[in-house]
């Protein structure tokens, strides 16, 4: 899949991997991304469900997310 990620989205992916590997906790992940623990839970849920495409802003042009639909997160 062709996917263009911003630096912010790429960093979120790296932090989610650390979180899933148990190397950091949600509080530390929140500090690293400058978001609340509540937002970390939302980001983690989307990452677990959709993987990297779940981290891409849903407000971007659909062409940037390589054919994935914004609403369902599934390929067209």
Protein backbone atom coordinates (compact mmCIF):
# COMPACT_ATOMS: atom_id res chain seq x y z
CA UNK A 1 0.00 0.00 0.00
CA UNK A 2 1.27 3.45 -0.91
CA UNK A 3 1.00 5.65 2.16
CA UNK A 4 2.40 9.09 2.89
CA UNK A 5 2.71 9.86 6.58
CA UNK A 6 3.62 13.13 8.22
CA UNK A 7 6.46 13.18 10.73
CA UNK A 8 3.88 13.49 13.52
CA UNK A 9 2.04 10.38 12.32
CA UNK A 10 5.30 8.44 11.92
CA UNK A 11 6.30 9.34 15.48
CA UNK A 12 2.91 8.14 16.70
CA UNK A 13 3.60 4.80 15.03
CA UNK A 14 6.95 4.48 16.75
CA UNK A 15 5.47 5.34 20.13
CA UNK A 16 2.58 2.88 19.64
CA UNK A 17 5.12 0.13 18.90
CA UNK A 18 7.01 0.95 22.13
CA UNK A 19 3.72 0.92 24.02
CA UNK A 20 2.62 -2.43 22.59
CA UNK A 21 6.05 -3.92 23.32
CA UNK A 22 5.68 -2.91 26.96
CA UNK A 23 8.73 -0.65 26.87
CA UNK A 24 6.71 2.40 27.94
CA UNK A 25 3.36 2.94 29.63
CA UNK A 26 0.43 5.07 28.46
CA UNK A 27 1.46 7.99 30.63
CA UNK A 28 4.96 8.04 29.10
CA UNK A 29 3.49 7.69 25.60
CA UNK A 30 1.30 10.71 26.31
CA UNK A 31 4.31 12.75 27.36
CA UNK A 32 6.26 11.71 24.27
CA UNK A 33 3.42 12.78 21.97
CA UNK A 34 2.24 15.73 24.09
CA UNK A 35 -1.29 14.33 24.40
CA UNK A 36 -3.41 13.06 27.29
CA UNK A 37 -3.61 9.43 28.40
CA UNK A 38 -7.22 9.46 27.18
CA UNK A 39 -6.04 10.43 23.69
CA UNK A 40 -3.33 7.73 23.84
CA UNK A 41 -6.10 5.18 24.44
CA UNK A 42 -7.96 6.43 21.37
CA UNK A 43 -4.82 6.39 19.22
CA UNK A 44 -3.88 2.91 20.45
CA UNK A 45 -7.37 1.56 19.72
CA UNK A 46 -7.20 2.84 16.12
CA UNK A 47 -3.65 1.50 15.74
CA UNK A 48 -4.65 -1.96 16.97
CA UNK A 49 -7.67 -2.01 14.65
CA UNK A 50 -6.25 -0.44 11.50
CA UNK A 51 -2.46 -0.46 11.90
CA UNK A 52 -0.48 2.44 10.43
CA UNK A 53 -3.37 3.70 8.26
CA UNK A 54 -5.29 4.28 11.50
CA UNK A 55 -2.73 6.89 12.52
CA UNK A 56 -3.18 9.01 9.41
CA UNK A 57 -5.37 12.04 9.96
CA UNK A 58 -8.87 11.40 8.69
CA UNK A 59 -9.15 15.02 7.58
CA UNK A 60 -6.54 14.61 4.82
CA UNK A 61 -7.21 14.16 1.15
CA UNK A 62 -8.27 10.56 0.44
CA UNK A 63 -5.54 10.20 -2.19
CA UNK A 64 -2.92 10.56 0.55
CA UNK A 65 -4.12 7.45 2.34
CA UNK A 66 -3.57 5.20 -0.63
CA UNK A 67 -7.12 4.21 -1.43
CA UNK A 68 -8.32 3.56 2.10
CA UNK A 69 -11.72 5.03 2.86
CA UNK A 70 -11.87 7.59 5.63
CA UNK A 71 -15.01 6.24 7.28
CA UNK A 72 -14.31 2.53 7.43
CA UNK A 73 -10.54 2.40 7.31
CA UNK A 74 -10.87 -0.41 4.77
CA UNK A 75 -9.55 -0.64 1.20
CA UNK A 76 -11.92 0.45 -1.54
